[in-house]
Amino acid sequence: MYAIRLELIPPRPVPGPATEAGAGPVRLALMQLPLDGAQVCHARVLYGSDGLAAVCFLTAPSLLDAERALRAGTDALVGPGGPLAGWATVRCEADPWIALGMLPARARS
């Protein structure tokens, strides 16, 4: 399983406080993305007026395959007709701290 960080920004600020979208529509959309050769098994989403940040946990043959599949799926989310049409993807890549198993070390620093 691979952890991929995803950050999206809206075309204009969205009113409201930051919330964790546990079972919200964005999380549901991420979980249901048709990904070629990969699958989102879990997603943690933080949604605020300046956009959203997520960590998606995917099964895939490799880390690069997970990144590529999620980026392609995210393009469908933000593209015309997608639930987040007009939004922009600013990050869709492996989190090096999680990928290298060093998240506890980062928390101590």
C-alpha atoms as a PDB file:
ATOM      1  CA  MET A   1       0.000   0.000   0.000  1.00  0.00           C
ATOM      2  CA  TYR A   2       1.284   3.438  -0.935  1.00  0.00           C
ATOM      3  CA  ALA A   3       0.494   6.825   0.629  1.00  0.00           C
ATOM      4  CA  ILE A   4       0.023   9.603  -1.896  1.00  0.00           C
ATOM      5  CA  ARG A   5      -0.486  13.245  -0.904  1.00  0.00           C
ATOM      6  CA  LEU A   6      -3.052  15.146  -2.887  1.00  0.00           C
ATOM      7  CA  GLU A   7      -3.715  18.891  -2.781  1.00  0.00           C
ATOM      8  CA  LEU A   8      -6.384  20.656  -4.812  1.00  0.00           C
ATOM      9  CA  ILE A   9      -7.343  24.320  -4.920  1.00  0.00           C
ATOM     10  CA  PRO A  10     -10.655  25.807  -6.019  1.00  0.00           C
ATOM     11  CA  PRO A  11     -10.929  28.486  -8.704  1.00  0.00           C
ATOM     12  CA  ARG A  12     -11.992  30.893  -5.926  1.00  0.00           C
ATOM     13  CA  PRO A  13     -12.081  30.555  -2.126  1.00  0.00           C
ATOM     14  CA  VAL A  14     -14.879  28.394  -0.761  1.00  0.00           C
ATOM     15  CA  PRO A  15     -16.598  29.881   2.307  1.00  0.00           C
ATOM     16  CA  GLY A  16     -16.594  27.961   5.569  1.00  0.00           C
ATOM     17  CA  PRO A  17     -14.240  26.579   8.198  1.00  0.00           C
ATOM     18  CA  ALA A  18     -11.747  23.765   7.642  1.00  0.00           C
ATOM     19  CA  THR A  19     -13.289  20.380   8.297  1.00  0.00           C
ATOM     20  CA  GLU A  20     -12.226  16.799   8.017  1.00  0.00           C
ATOM     21  CA  ALA A  21     -14.457  15.345   5.352  1.00  0.00           C
ATOM     22  CA  GLY A  22     -14.540  11.862   6.876  1.00  0.00           C
ATOM     23  CA  ALA A  23     -17.403  10.465   4.844  1.00  0.00           C
ATOM     24  CA  GLY A  24     -17.957  13.560   2.725  1.00  0.00           C
ATOM     25  CA  PRO A  25     -18.489  13.741  -1.008  1.00  0.00           C
ATOM     26  CA  VAL A  26     -14.818  14.380  -1.838  1.00  0.00           C
ATOM     27  CA  ARG A  27     -13.666  11.349   0.137  1.00  0.00           C
ATOM     28  CA  LEU A  28     -16.393   9.255  -1.474  1.00  0.00           C
ATOM     29  CA  ALA A  29     -15.365  10.465  -4.941  1.00  0.00           C
ATOM     30  CA  LEU A  30     -11.716   9.561  -4.225  1.00  0.00           C
ATOM     31  CA  MET A  31     -12.691   6.110  -2.997  1.00  0.00           C
ATOM     32  CA  GLN A  32     -14.739   5.464  -6.142  1.00  0.00           C
ATOM     33  CA  LEU A  33     -12.198   6.661  -8.712  1.00  0.00           C
ATOM     34  CA  PRO A  34     -11.752   4.154 -11.537  1.00  0.00           C
ATOM     35  CA  LEU A  35      -7.960   3.842 -11.440  1.00  0.00           C
ATOM     36  CA  ASP A  36      -6.026   1.803 -13.969  1.00  0.00           C
ATOM     37  CA  GLY A  37      -4.121  -0.876 -12.039  1.00  0.00           C
ATOM     38  CA  ALA A  38      -4.603   0.759  -8.627  1.00  0.00           C
ATOM     39  CA  GLN A  39      -7.277   1.220  -5.984  1.00  0.00           C
ATOM     40  CA  VAL A  40      -7.827   3.803  -3.264  1.00  0.00           C
ATOM     41  CA  CYS A  41      -8.337   1.794  -0.071  1.00  0.00           C
ATOM     42  CA  HIS A  42      -8.499   4.686   2.382  1.00  0.00           C
ATOM     43  CA  ALA A  43      -8.450   8.470   2.161  1.00  0.00           C
ATOM     44  CA  ARG A  44      -8.116  11.152   4.807  1.00  0.00           C
ATOM     45  CA  VAL A  45      -9.361  14.545   3.598  1.00  0.00           C
ATOM     46  CA  LEU A  46      -9.068  18.005   5.121  1.00  0.00           C
ATOM     47  CA  TYR A  47     -11.302  20.524   3.363  1.00  0.00           C
ATOM     48  CA  GLY A  48     -11.141  24.297   3.814  1.00  0.00           C
ATOM     49  CA  SER A  49     -11.754  27.599   2.092  1.00  0.00           C
ATOM     50  CA  ASP A  50      -8.368  27.474   0.351  1.00  0.00           C
ATOM     51  CA  GLY A  51      -8.823  23.958  -1.029  1.00  0.00           C
ATOM     52  CA  LEU A  52      -8.342  20.435   0.155  1.00  0.00           C
ATOM     53  CA  ALA A  53      -5.485  18.261   1.267  1.00  0.00           C
ATOM     54  CA  ALA A  54      -5.694  14.496   1.355  1.00  0.00           C
ATOM     55  CA  VAL A  55      -3.594  11.449   1.947  1.00  0.00           C
ATOM     56  CA  CYS A  56      -4.800   8.566  -0.169  1.00  0.00           C
ATOM     57  CA  PHE A  57      -3.666   5.026   0.521  1.00  0.00           C
ATOM     58  CA  LEU A  58      -3.563   2.976  -2.650  1.00  0.00           C
ATOM     59  CA  THR A  59      -2.785  -0.565  -3.647  1.00  0.00           C
ATOM     60  CA  ALA A  60      -0.794  -0.674  -6.883  1.00  0.00           C
ATOM     61  CA  PRO A  61       2.071  -2.653  -8.416  1.00  0.00           C
ATOM     62  CA  SER A  62       4.543   0.135  -7.523  1.00  0.00           C
ATOM     63  CA  LEU A  63       4.797   3.573  -5.975  1.00  0.00           C
ATOM     64  CA  LEU A  64       5.089   5.195  -9.399  1.00  0.00           C
ATOM     65  CA  ASP A  65       2.027   3.295 -10.604  1.00  0.00           C
ATOM     66  CA  ALA A  66       0.097   4.566  -7.577  1.00  0.00           C
ATOM     67  CA  GLU A  67       1.130   8.170  -8.259  1.00  0.00           C
ATOM     68  CA  ARG A  68       0.292   7.937 -11.961  1.00  0.00           C
ATOM     69  CA  ALA A  69      -3.075   6.271 -11.375  1.00  0.00           C
ATOM     70  CA  LEU A  70      -4.169   8.796  -8.747  1.00  0.00           C
ATOM     71  CA  ARG A  71      -3.035  11.733 -10.895  1.00  0.00           C
ATOM     72  CA  ALA A  72      -5.065  10.405 -13.850  1.00  0.00           C
ATOM     73  CA  GLY A  73      -8.074   9.820 -11.597  1.00  0.00           C
ATOM     74  CA  THR A  74      -7.742  13.288 -10.102  1.00  0.00           C
ATOM     75  CA  ASP A  75      -7.719  14.764 -13.604  1.00  0.00           C
ATOM     76  CA  ALA A  76     -11.192  13.232 -14.033  1.00  0.00           C
ATOM     77  CA  LEU A  77     -12.348  14.834 -10.759  1.00  0.00           C
ATOM     78  CA  VAL A  78     -11.237  18.351 -11.716  1.00  0.00           C
ATOM     79  CA  GLY A  79     -11.974  18.083 -15.436  1.00  0.00           C
ATOM     80  CA  PRO A  80     -15.158  19.212 -17.188  1.00  0.00           C
ATOM     81  CA  GLY A  81     -18.140  17.342 -15.780  1.00  0.00           C
ATOM     82  CA  GLY A  82     -16.207  16.163 -12.708  1.00  0.00           C
ATOM     83  CA  PRO A  83     -17.463  16.861  -9.180  1.00  0.00           C
ATOM     84  CA  LEU A  84     -14.625  19.387  -8.685  1.00  0.00           C
ATOM     85  CA  ALA A  85     -14.663  20.872 -12.192  1.00  0.00           C
ATOM     86  CA  GLY A  86     -12.464  23.953 -12.405  1.00  0.00           C
ATOM     87  CA  TRP A  87     -10.289  23.013  -9.423  1.00  0.00           C
ATOM     88  CA  ALA A  88      -6.523  22.605  -9.926  1.00  0.00           C
ATOM     89  CA  THR A  89      -4.245  19.824  -8.730  1.00  0.00           C
ATOM     90  CA  VAL A  90      -1.197  21.366  -7.053  1.00  0.00           C
ATOM     91  CA  ARG A  91       0.248  18.163  -5.601  1.00  0.00           C
ATOM     92  CA  CYS A  92      -0.200  14.476  -6.296  1.00  0.00           C
ATOM     93  CA  GLU A  93       2.890  12.611  -5.168  1.00  0.00           C
ATOM     94  CA  ALA A  94       4.208  10.170  -2.614  1.00  0.00           C
ATOM     95  CA  ASP A  95       4.819  11.604   0.816  1.00  0.00           C
ATOM     96  CA  PRO A  96       8.515  10.809   1.372  1.00  0.00           C
ATOM     97  CA  TRP A  97       8.174  10.665   5.167  1.00  0.00           C
ATOM     98  CA  ILE A  98       5.406   8.078   4.944  1.00  0.00           C
ATOM     99  CA  ALA A  99       6.931   6.215   1.974  1.00  0.00           C
ATOM    100  CA  LEU A 100      10.242   5.778   3.798  1.00  0.00           C
ATOM    101  CA  GLY A 101       8.568   4.820   7.083  1.00  0.00           C
ATOM    102  CA  MET A 102       9.990   7.907   8.786  1.00  0.00           C
ATOM    103  CA  LEU A 103       6.795   9.658   9.894  1.00  0.00           C
ATOM    104  CA  PRO A 104       7.520   9.012  13.626  1.00  0.00           C
ATOM    105  CA  ALA A 105      10.984  10.579  13.196  1.00  0.00           C
ATOM    106  CA  ARG A 106       9.459  13.658  11.564  1.00  0.00           C
ATOM    107  CA  ALA A 107       7.004  14.047  14.449  1.00  0.00           C
ATOM    108  CA  ARG A 108       9.904  14.137  16.923  1.00  0.00           C
ATOM    109  CA  SER A 109      11.864  16.769  14.967  1.00  0.00           C
END
